[in-house]
C-alpha atoms as a PDB file:
ATOM      1  CA  MET A   1    -173.456 -30.970  -3.299  1.00  0.00           C
ATOM      2  CA  SER A   2    -171.853 -33.444  -0.892  1.00  0.00           C
ATOM      3  CA  LEU A   3    -168.281 -33.074   0.335  1.00  0.00           C
ATOM      4  CA  GLY A   4    -167.333 -36.170  -1.653  1.00  0.00           C
ATOM      5  CA  ASP A   5    -168.658 -34.615  -4.848  1.00  0.00           C
ATOM      6  CA  LYS A   6    -166.698 -31.426  -4.159  1.00  0.00           C
ATOM      7  CA  LEU A   7    -163.440 -33.303  -3.606  1.00  0.00           C
ATOM      8  CA  ALA A   8    -163.709 -35.860  -6.417  1.00  0.00           C
ATOM      9  CA  PRO A   9    -162.409 -33.603  -9.253  1.00  0.00           C
ATOM     10  CA  HIS A  10    -159.287 -32.799  -7.239  1.00  0.00           C
ATOM     11  CA  LEU A  11    -158.276 -36.349  -6.287  1.00  0.00           C
ATOM     12  CA  PRO A  12    -156.352 -37.170  -9.497  1.00  0.00           C
ATOM     13  CA  PHE A  13    -154.190 -34.104  -9.028  1.00  0.00           C
ATOM     14  CA  LEU A  14    -153.605 -34.833  -5.355  1.00  0.00           C
ATOM     15  CA  ARG A  15    -152.348 -38.252  -6.489  1.00  0.00           C
ATOM     16  CA  ARG A  16    -150.013 -36.519  -8.943  1.00  0.00           C
ATOM     17  CA  TYR A  17    -148.633 -34.363  -6.143  1.00  0.00           C
ATOM     18  CA  ALA A  18    -148.384 -37.236  -3.650  1.00  0.00           C
ATOM     19  CA  ARG A  19    -146.502 -39.407  -6.139  1.00  0.00           C
ATOM     20  CA  ALA A  20    -144.051 -36.626  -6.914  1.00  0.00           C
ATOM     21  CA  LEU A  21    -143.645 -35.974  -3.200  1.00  0.00           C
ATOM     22  CA  THR A  22    -142.866 -39.608  -2.371  1.00  0.00           C
ATOM     23  CA  GLY A  23    -141.212 -40.625  -5.630  1.00  0.00           C
ATOM     24  CA  ASN A  24    -143.418 -43.711  -5.751  1.00  0.00           C
ATOM     25  CA  GLN A  25    -146.917 -44.370  -7.081  1.00  0.00           C
ATOM     26  CA  GLN A  26    -147.930 -46.816  -4.355  1.00  0.00           C
ATOM     27  CA  HIS A  27    -146.652 -44.670  -1.498  1.00  0.00           C
ATOM     28  CA  GLY A  28    -148.269 -41.556  -2.920  1.00  0.00           C
ATOM     29  CA  ASP A  29    -151.613 -43.211  -3.611  1.00  0.00           C
ATOM     30  CA  ASN A  30    -151.667 -44.715  -0.130  1.00  0.00           C
ATOM     31  CA  PHE A  31    -151.119 -41.312   1.451  1.00  0.00           C
ATOM     32  CA  VAL A  32    -154.082 -40.047  -0.578  1.00  0.00           C
ATOM     33  CA  ARG A  33    -156.116 -43.022   0.606  1.00  0.00           C
ATOM     34  CA  SER A  34    -155.183 -42.242   4.211  1.00  0.00           C
ATOM     35  CA  THR A  35    -156.262 -38.640   3.627  1.00  0.00           C
ATOM     36  CA  LEU A  36    -159.691 -39.741   2.411  1.00  0.00           C
ATOM     37  CA  GLU A  37    -160.061 -42.163   5.314  1.00  0.00           C
ATOM     38  CA  ALA A  38    -159.334 -39.321   7.740  1.00  0.00           C
ATOM     39  CA  ILE A  39    -161.938 -37.094   6.073  1.00  0.00           C
ATOM     40  CA  ILE A  40    -164.559 -39.840   6.103  1.00  0.00           C
ATOM     41  CA  ALA A  41    -163.827 -40.626   9.756  1.00  0.00           C
ATOM     42  CA  SER A  42    -164.135 -36.981  10.874  1.00  0.00           C
ATOM     43  CA  PRO A  43    -165.912 -34.897   8.215  1.00  0.00           C
ATOM     44  CA  GLU A  44    -166.623 -32.180  10.784  1.00  0.00           C
ATOM     45  CA  GLU A  45    -162.885 -31.502  11.022  1.00  0.00           C
ATOM     46  CA  PHE A  46    -162.503 -30.827   7.295  1.00  0.00           C
ATOM     47  CA  PRO A  47    -161.708 -27.113   6.722  1.00  0.00           C
ATOM     48  CA  SER A  48    -165.003 -25.496   5.757  1.00  0.00           C
ATOM     49  CA  ASP A  49    -163.768 -21.924   5.484  1.00  0.00           C
ATOM     50  CA  VAL A  50    -161.597 -22.470   2.384  1.00  0.00           C
ATOM     51  CA  ASP A  51    -161.932 -23.851  -1.142  1.00  0.00           C
ATOM     52  CA  PRO A  52    -162.417 -27.671  -1.105  1.00  0.00           C
ATOM     53  CA  ARG A  53    -159.163 -28.190  -3.021  1.00  0.00           C
ATOM     54  CA  LEU A  54    -157.254 -26.213  -0.401  1.00  0.00           C
ATOM     55  CA  GLY A  55    -158.940 -28.156   2.374  1.00  0.00           C
ATOM     56  CA  LEU A  56    -158.064 -31.459   0.680  1.00  0.00           C
ATOM     57  CA  TYR A  57    -154.385 -30.623   0.291  1.00  0.00           C
ATOM     58  CA  ARG A  58    -154.286 -29.184   3.817  1.00  0.00           C
ATOM     59  CA  THR A  59    -155.642 -32.447   5.214  1.00  0.00           C
ATOM     60  CA  PHE A  60    -153.144 -34.395   3.132  1.00  0.00           C
ATOM     61  CA  HIS A  61    -150.266 -32.299   4.471  1.00  0.00           C
ATOM     62  CA  ALA A  62    -151.406 -32.803   8.042  1.00  0.00           C
ATOM     63  CA  ILE A  63    -151.149 -36.573   7.510  1.00  0.00           C
ATOM     64  CA  TRP A  64    -147.885 -36.268   5.573  1.00  0.00           C
ATOM     65  CA  SER A  65    -146.283 -34.201   8.338  1.00  0.00           C
ATOM     66  CA  THR A  66    -147.511 -36.546  11.054  1.00  0.00           C
ATOM     67  CA  ALA A  67    -146.107 -39.529   9.171  1.00  0.00           C
ATOM     68  CA  HIS A  68    -142.607 -38.124   9.496  1.00  0.00           C
ATOM     69  CA  ILE A  69    -142.683 -37.053  13.134  1.00  0.00           C
ATOM     70  CA  GLU A  70    -144.677 -39.791  14.865  1.00  0.00           C
ATOM     71  CA  ASP A  71    -144.121 -43.492  15.481  1.00  0.00           C
ATOM     72  CA  ASP A  72    -146.219 -46.089  13.717  1.00  0.00           C
ATOM     73  CA  VAL A  73    -148.097 -46.872  16.943  1.00  0.00           C
ATOM     74  CA  GLY A  74    -151.824 -46.959  16.310  1.00  0.00           C
ATOM     75  CA  HIS A  75    -151.504 -47.273  12.534  1.00  0.00           C
ATOM     76  CA  SER A  76    -152.478 -50.399  10.666  1.00  0.00           C
ATOM     77  CA  GLY A  77    -153.319 -51.541   7.177  1.00  0.00           C
ATOM     78  CA  GLU A  78    -152.030 -50.663   3.738  1.00  0.00           C
ATOM     79  CA  GLY A  79    -151.791 -46.927   4.388  1.00  0.00           C
ATOM     80  CA  ALA A  80    -149.674 -47.484   7.479  1.00  0.00           C
ATOM     81  CA  GLU A  81    -147.374 -49.818   5.557  1.00  0.00           C
ATOM     82  CA  SER A  82    -146.876 -47.103   2.953  1.00  0.00           C
ATOM     83  CA  ILE A  83    -146.028 -44.596   5.667  1.00  0.00           C
ATOM     84  CA  ALA A  84    -143.472 -46.968   7.173  1.00  0.00           C
ATOM     85  CA  GLN A  85    -141.925 -47.629   3.765  1.00  0.00           C
ATOM     86  CA  ALA A  86    -141.822 -43.930   2.946  1.00  0.00           C
ATOM     87  CA  ARG A  87    -139.849 -43.274   6.120  1.00  0.00           C
ATOM     88  CA  LEU A  88    -137.176 -45.627   4.853  1.00  0.00           C
ATOM     89  CA  SER A  89    -136.870 -43.799   1.542  1.00  0.00           C
ATOM     90  CA  ARG A  90    -135.611 -40.338   0.797  1.00  0.00           C
ATOM     91  CA  VAL A  91    -137.802 -37.640   2.348  1.00  0.00           C
ATOM     92  CA  THR A  92    -138.735 -34.637   0.233  1.00  0.00           C
ATOM     93  CA  PRO A  93    -137.589 -31.530   2.165  1.00  0.00           C
ATOM     94  CA  LEU A  94    -139.946 -28.656   2.889  1.00  0.00           C
ATOM     95  CA  SER A  95    -138.269 -26.501   0.246  1.00  0.00           C
ATOM     96  CA  ARG A  96    -139.178 -28.984  -2.469  1.00  0.00           C
ATOM     97  CA  GLN A  97    -142.695 -29.330  -1.101  1.00  0.00           C
ATOM     98  CA  ALA A  98    -143.098 -25.578  -1.548  1.00  0.00           C
ATOM     99  CA  LEU A  99    -141.703 -25.783  -5.082  1.00  0.00           C
ATOM    100  CA  LEU A 100    -144.006 -28.641  -6.070  1.00  0.00           C
ATOM    101  CA  LEU A 101    -147.067 -26.907  -4.639  1.00  0.00           C
ATOM    102  CA  THR A 102    -146.372 -23.669  -6.502  1.00  0.00           C
ATOM    103  CA  SER A 103    -144.904 -25.015  -9.755  1.00  0.00           C
ATOM    104  CA  LEU A 104    -146.475 -28.450 -10.247  1.00  0.00           C
ATOM    105  CA  GLU A 105    -149.847 -27.832  -8.590  1.00  0.00           C
ATOM    106  CA  GLY A 106    -150.154 -24.125  -9.355  1.00  0.00           C
ATOM    107  CA  PHE A 107    -150.982 -22.885  -5.866  1.00  0.00           C
ATOM    108  CA  SER A 108    -150.286 -19.257  -5.037  1.00  0.00           C
ATOM    109  CA  THR A 109    -147.651 -18.341  -2.475  1.00  0.00           C
ATOM    110  CA  ASP A 110    -150.390 -17.456   0.018  1.00  0.00           C
ATOM    111  CA  ASP A 111    -152.180 -20.771  -0.514  1.00  0.00           C
ATOM    112  CA  THR A 112    -148.933 -22.704  -0.214  1.00  0.00           C
ATOM    113  CA  ALA A 113    -148.196 -20.935   3.065  1.00  0.00           C
ATOM    114  CA  TYR A 114    -151.591 -22.100   4.327  1.00  0.00           C
ATOM    115  CA  LEU A 115    -151.001 -25.668   3.168  1.00  0.00           C
ATOM    116  CA  ILE A 116    -147.626 -26.111   4.856  1.00  0.00           C
ATOM    117  CA  ASP A 117    -148.529 -23.935   7.853  1.00  0.00           C
ATOM    118  CA  SER A 118    -145.918 -21.297   7.135  1.00  0.00           C
ATOM    119  CA  SER A 119    -145.668 -17.621   6.190  1.00  0.00           C
ATOM    120  CA  LYS A 120    -145.659 -16.174   2.684  1.00  0.00           C
ATOM    121  CA  GLU A 121    -142.100 -14.940   3.228  1.00  0.00           C
ATOM    122  CA  ASP A 122    -140.993 -18.391   4.334  1.00  0.00           C
ATOM    123  CA  VAL A 123    -142.548 -19.960   1.236  1.00  0.00           C
ATOM    124  CA  GLU A 124    -140.701 -17.553  -1.035  1.00  0.00           C
ATOM    125  CA  SER A 125    -137.468 -18.388   0.775  1.00  0.00           C
ATOM    126  CA  LEU A 126    -138.135 -22.127   0.545  1.00  0.00           C
ATOM    127  CA  VAL A 127    -138.829 -21.966  -3.196  1.00  0.00           C
ATOM    128  CA  ALA A 128    -135.623 -19.987  -3.728  1.00  0.00           C
ATOM    129  CA  GLU A 129    -133.760 -22.623  -1.722  1.00  0.00           C
ATOM    130  CA  ALA A 130    -135.210 -25.421  -3.866  1.00  0.00           C
ATOM    131  CA  LEU A 131    -134.305 -23.609  -7.084  1.00  0.00           C
ATOM    132  CA  ALA A 132    -130.750 -23.137  -5.834  1.00  0.00           C
ATOM    133  CA  GLU A 133    -130.538 -26.845  -5.104  1.00  0.00           C
ATOM    134  CA  ILE A 134    -131.723 -27.629  -8.620  1.00  0.00           C
ATOM    135  CA  GLU A 135    -128.766 -25.679  -9.985  1.00  0.00           C
ATOM    136  CA  ARG A 136    -126.471 -28.027  -8.053  1.00  0.00           C
ATOM    137  CA  GLN A 137    -128.063 -31.234  -9.324  1.00  0.00           C
ATOM    138  CA  THR A 138    -126.091 -33.687 -11.426  1.00  0.00           C
ATOM    139  CA  ARG A 139    -126.687 -33.034 -15.107  1.00  0.00           C
ATOM    140  CA  ALA A 140    -128.769 -35.639 -16.863  1.00  0.00           C
ATOM    141  CA  GLU A 141    -128.761 -37.224 -20.305  1.00  0.00           C
ATOM    142  CA  VAL A 142    -132.367 -36.761 -21.438  1.00  0.00           C
ATOM    143  CA  LEU A 143    -134.325 -38.611 -24.108  1.00  0.00           C
ATOM    144  CA  ILE A 144    -137.431 -36.753 -25.325  1.00  0.00           C
ATOM    145  CA  ILE A 145    -140.275 -38.800 -26.831  1.00  0.00           C
ATOM    146  CA  GLU A 146    -142.684 -36.339 -28.440  1.00  0.00           C
ATOM    147  CA  ASP A 147    -144.253 -36.277 -31.901  1.00  0.00           C
ATOM    148  CA  GLU A 148    -145.373 -32.621 -31.972  1.00  0.00           C
ATOM    149  CA  PRO A 149    -142.374 -30.597 -33.288  1.00  0.00           C
ATOM    150  CA  ILE A 150    -143.202 -27.333 -31.508  1.00  0.00           C
ATOM    151  CA  ILE A 151    -143.731 -29.034 -28.168  1.00  0.00           C
ATOM    152  CA  ALA A 152    -140.579 -31.127 -28.639  1.00  0.00           C
ATOM    153  CA  MET A 153    -138.570 -27.979 -29.352  1.00  0.00           C
ATOM    154  CA  ASP A 154    -140.041 -26.272 -26.303  1.00  0.00           C
ATOM    155  CA  ILE A 155    -139.158 -29.204 -24.052  1.00  0.00           C
ATOM    156  CA  GLU A 156    -135.674 -29.458 -25.527  1.00  0.00           C
ATOM    157  CA  THR A 157    -135.067 -25.761 -24.853  1.00  0.00           C
ATOM    158  CA  ILE A 158    -136.202 -26.093 -21.246  1.00  0.00           C
ATOM    159  CA  VAL A 159    -134.055 -29.185 -20.710  1.00  0.00           C
ATOM    160  CA  ARG A 160    -130.945 -27.545 -22.175  1.00  0.00           C
ATOM    161  CA  ASP A 161    -131.539 -24.316 -20.258  1.00  0.00           C
ATOM    162  CA  LEU A 162    -131.523 -26.391 -17.077  1.00  0.00           C
ATOM    163  CA  GLY A 163    -128.054 -27.573 -18.017  1.00  0.00           C
ATOM    164  CA  HIS A 164    -129.003 -31.076 -19.102  1.00  0.00           C
ATOM    165  CA  ASN A 165    -128.025 -32.736 -22.370  1.00  0.00           C
ATOM    166  CA  VAL A 166    -130.605 -34.009 -24.874  1.00  0.00           C
ATOM    167  CA  THR A 167    -129.521 -37.369 -26.282  1.00  0.00           C
ATOM    168  CA  GLY A 168    -132.266 -37.402 -28.901  1.00  0.00           C
ATOM    169  CA  VAL A 169    -135.864 -36.644 -29.833  1.00  0.00           C
ATOM    170  CA  ALA A 170    -138.014 -39.586 -30.947  1.00  0.00           C
ATOM    171  CA  VAL A 171    -141.484 -39.399 -32.481  1.00  0.00           C
ATOM    172  CA  THR A 172    -142.471 -43.096 -32.507  1.00  0.00           C
ATOM    173  CA  ARG A 173    -142.142 -46.096 -30.228  1.00  0.00           C
ATOM    174  CA  ASP A 174    -139.545 -47.768 -32.442  1.00  0.00           C
ATOM    175  CA  GLU A 175    -137.472 -44.599 -32.718  1.00  0.00           C
ATOM    176  CA  ALA A 176    -137.537 -44.143 -28.951  1.00  0.00           C
ATOM    177  CA  VAL A 177    -136.376 -47.678 -28.248  1.00  0.00           C
ATOM    178  CA  ALA A 178    -133.617 -47.456 -30.853  1.00  0.00           C
ATOM    179  CA  GLU A 179    -132.439 -44.084 -29.531  1.00  0.00           C
ATOM    180  CA  ALA A 180    -132.363 -45.340 -25.937  1.00  0.00           C
ATOM    181  CA  LYS A 181    -130.299 -48.329 -27.007  1.00  0.00           C
ATOM    182  CA  ALA A 182    -127.840 -46.235 -29.022  1.00  0.00           C
ATOM    183  CA  ASN A 183    -127.530 -43.431 -26.434  1.00  0.00           C
ATOM    184  CA  PRO A 184    -128.708 -44.626 -22.988  1.00  0.00           C
ATOM    185  CA  PRO A 185    -130.415 -41.714 -21.201  1.00  0.00           C
ATOM    186  CA  SER A 186    -130.497 -41.020 -17.464  1.00  0.00           C
ATOM    187  CA  LEU A 187    -133.990 -39.464 -17.749  1.00  0.00           C
ATOM    188  CA  VAL A 188    -136.879 -39.887 -20.192  1.00  0.00           C
ATOM    189  CA  LEU A 189    -139.610 -37.344 -20.973  1.00  0.00           C
ATOM    190  CA  ALA A 190    -142.393 -39.106 -22.876  1.00  0.00           C
ATOM    191  CA  ASP A 191    -145.648 -38.025 -24.464  1.00  0.00           C
ATOM    192  CA  ILE A 192    -148.488 -40.561 -24.305  1.00  0.00           C
ATOM    193  CA  GLN A 193    -149.749 -40.397 -27.904  1.00  0.00           C
ATOM    194  CA  LEU A 194    -147.059 -40.621 -30.581  1.00  0.00           C
ATOM    195  CA  ALA A 195    -146.850 -40.469 -34.370  1.00  0.00           C
ATOM    196  CA  ASP A 196    -148.097 -43.558 -36.276  1.00  0.00           C
ATOM    197  CA  ASP A 197    -150.528 -44.094 -33.381  1.00  0.00           C
ATOM    198  CA  SER A 198    -147.866 -45.779 -31.263  1.00  0.00           C
ATOM    199  CA  SER A 199    -147.819 -45.313 -27.498  1.00  0.00           C
ATOM    200  CA  GLY A 200    -145.295 -43.513 -25.355  1.00  0.00           C
ATOM    201  CA  ILE A 201    -146.264 -45.844 -22.517  1.00  0.00           C
ATOM    202  CA  ASP A 202    -145.318 -48.883 -24.596  1.00  0.00           C
ATOM    203  CA  ALA A 203    -142.091 -47.192 -25.674  1.00  0.00           C
ATOM    204  CA  VAL A 204    -141.172 -46.578 -22.058  1.00  0.00           C
ATOM    205  CA  LYS A 205    -141.977 -50.179 -21.112  1.00  0.00           C
ATOM    206  CA  ASP A 206    -139.590 -51.355 -23.829  1.00  0.00           C
ATOM    207  CA  ILE A 207    -136.886 -48.950 -22.659  1.00  0.00           C
ATOM    208  CA  LEU A 208    -137.284 -49.949 -19.007  1.00  0.00           C
ATOM    209  CA  GLY A 209    -136.771 -53.539 -20.123  1.00  0.00           C
ATOM    210  CA  GLN A 210    -133.256 -52.525 -21.168  1.00  0.00           C
ATOM    211  CA  LEU A 211    -132.227 -50.054 -18.464  1.00  0.00           C
ATOM    212  CA  LYS A 212    -133.353 -48.475 -15.200  1.00  0.00           C
ATOM    213  CA  VAL A 213    -134.160 -44.806 -15.698  1.00  0.00           C
ATOM    214  CA  PRO A 214    -136.660 -42.300 -14.224  1.00  0.00           C
ATOM    215  CA  VAL A 215    -139.526 -41.317 -16.519  1.00  0.00           C
ATOM    216  CA  ILE A 216    -141.783 -38.267 -16.688  1.00  0.00           C
ATOM    217  CA  PHE A 217    -144.933 -38.620 -18.786  1.00  0.00           C
ATOM    218  CA  ILE A 218    -146.542 -35.681 -20.572  1.00  0.00           C
ATOM    219  CA  THR A 219    -150.244 -35.796 -21.407  1.00  0.00           C
ATOM    220  CA  ALA A 220    -153.245 -33.605 -22.132  1.00  0.00           C
ATOM    221  CA  PHE A 221    -155.462 -36.045 -20.214  1.00  0.00           C
ATOM    222  CA  PRO A 222    -153.794 -36.587 -16.821  1.00  0.00           C
ATOM    223  CA  GLU A 223    -156.941 -37.929 -15.155  1.00  0.00           C
ATOM    224  CA  ARG A 224    -156.611 -41.107 -17.232  1.00  0.00           C
ATOM    225  CA  LEU A 225    -153.282 -41.903 -15.576  1.00  0.00           C
ATOM    226  CA  LEU A 226    -154.159 -40.748 -12.061  1.00  0.00           C
ATOM    227  CA  THR A 227    -156.927 -43.157 -11.119  1.00  0.00           C
ATOM    228  CA  GLY A 228    -155.010 -44.941  -8.362  1.00  0.00           C
ATOM    229  CA  SER A 229    -156.566 -48.249  -9.485  1.00  0.00           C
ATOM    230  CA  ARG A 230    -153.654 -49.751 -11.478  1.00  0.00           C
ATOM    231  CA  PRO A 231    -149.909 -49.317 -12.122  1.00  0.00           C
ATOM    232  CA  GLU A 232    -149.532 -45.710 -13.317  1.00  0.00           C
ATOM    233  CA  PRO A 233    -146.736 -43.137 -13.751  1.00  0.00           C
ATOM    234  CA  THR A 234    -145.051 -41.618 -10.726  1.00  0.00           C
ATOM    235  CA  PHE A 235    -144.206 -38.332 -12.453  1.00  0.00           C
ATOM    236  CA  LEU A 236    -146.712 -36.619 -14.730  1.00  0.00           C
ATOM    237  CA  ILE A 237    -146.842 -33.246 -16.513  1.00  0.00           C
ATOM    238  CA  THR A 238    -150.104 -31.868 -17.877  1.00  0.00           C
ATOM    239  CA  LYS A 239    -150.373 -30.241 -21.312  1.00  0.00           C
ATOM    240  CA  PRO A 240    -150.303 -27.334 -21.853  1.00  0.00           C
ATOM    241  CA  PHE A 241    -147.426 -27.020 -19.408  1.00  0.00           C
ATOM    242  CA  GLN A 242    -145.516 -24.148 -17.891  1.00  0.00           C
ATOM    243  CA  ARG A 243    -141.735 -23.963 -17.913  1.00  0.00           C
ATOM    244  CA  ALA A 244    -141.688 -24.002 -14.105  1.00  0.00           C
ATOM    245  CA  THR A 245    -143.763 -27.212 -14.087  1.00  0.00           C
ATOM    246  CA  VAL A 246    -141.286 -29.063 -16.298  1.00  0.00           C
ATOM    247  CA  LYS A 247    -138.398 -27.764 -14.231  1.00  0.00           C
ATOM    248  CA  ALA A 248    -139.958 -28.939 -10.966  1.00  0.00           C
ATOM    249  CA  ALA A 249    -140.850 -32.369 -12.340  1.00  0.00           C
ATOM    250  CA  ILE A 250    -137.372 -32.965 -13.759  1.00  0.00           C
ATOM    251  CA  SER A 251    -135.679 -31.902 -10.544  1.00  0.00           C
ATOM    252  CA  GLN A 252    -137.926 -34.135  -8.429  1.00  0.00           C
ATOM    253  CA  ALA A 253    -137.413 -37.190 -10.655  1.00  0.00           C
ATOM    254  CA  LEU A 254    -133.641 -36.699 -10.473  1.00  0.00           C
ATOM    255  CA  PHE A 255    -133.871 -36.068  -6.714  1.00  0.00           C
ATOM    256  CA  PHE A 256    -135.243 -39.547  -6.111  1.00  0.00           C
ATOM    257  CA  ASP A 257    -133.069 -41.158  -8.775  1.00  0.00           C
ATOM    258  CA  ALA A 258    -129.978 -39.810  -6.990  1.00  0.00           C
ATOM    259  CA  ALA A 259    -131.148 -41.537  -3.813  1.00  0.00           C
ATOM    260  CA  THR A 260    -130.846 -44.929  -5.569  1.00  0.00           C
ATOM    261  CA  VAL A 261    -127.257 -44.356  -6.664  1.00  0.00           C
ATOM    262  CA  PRO A 262    -124.675 -45.801  -4.215  1.00  0.00           C
ATOM    263  CA  ALA A 263    -122.460 -43.134  -2.622  1.00  0.00           C
END
């Protein structure tokens, strides 16, 4: 099996991570593109002593780290433009990188230490630091769009346990739009497939036509929204999800949303 074939199944999830890390689909996808270009240019430098997924994320992090400590000299093209733009936006601190790798991507502490070139003890400390920061975040007004009652209840419990307020739970596109209009949320959690065969994506488009608000999509088929070939969600949670995954995604969406609010 070629290296490309080994890496292909992991690319959608690297895009998910990169988007969460940058808070922007285009920036994240361009970092992934730069990662692939680096691998193609020097395949002999790709880590061969670890699992391909680990090697892929390790290569990505090498490029990500370089993008924030070097000048743009020698870079050109769309990937370089993304790097320059990312420098102007809010930078995800190392503590949140550790949290996203362990909670969103499901890497072990040991693997995360390898990916960010740190020690296991440092990773544990960084994750604890990120969790402490989450406790200090501004509380959000959250609209949940989910047609499966058990899942909706689970999400609502997680959201409330994090200290946020749930403005409503909608099960159809029309309900979601009406709820957002009646009680404007500061964060939306939306399933893709809703009752009456309506779409959570369409519901969100309607809501975003009325107000600016960060959105986290929830889906059992994440690969369909992580192709990198069209406008797609920045924040994505895969079903079935873990509590820690939802917590990390919410905190990261609010992290970047806070950066857009004037001081």
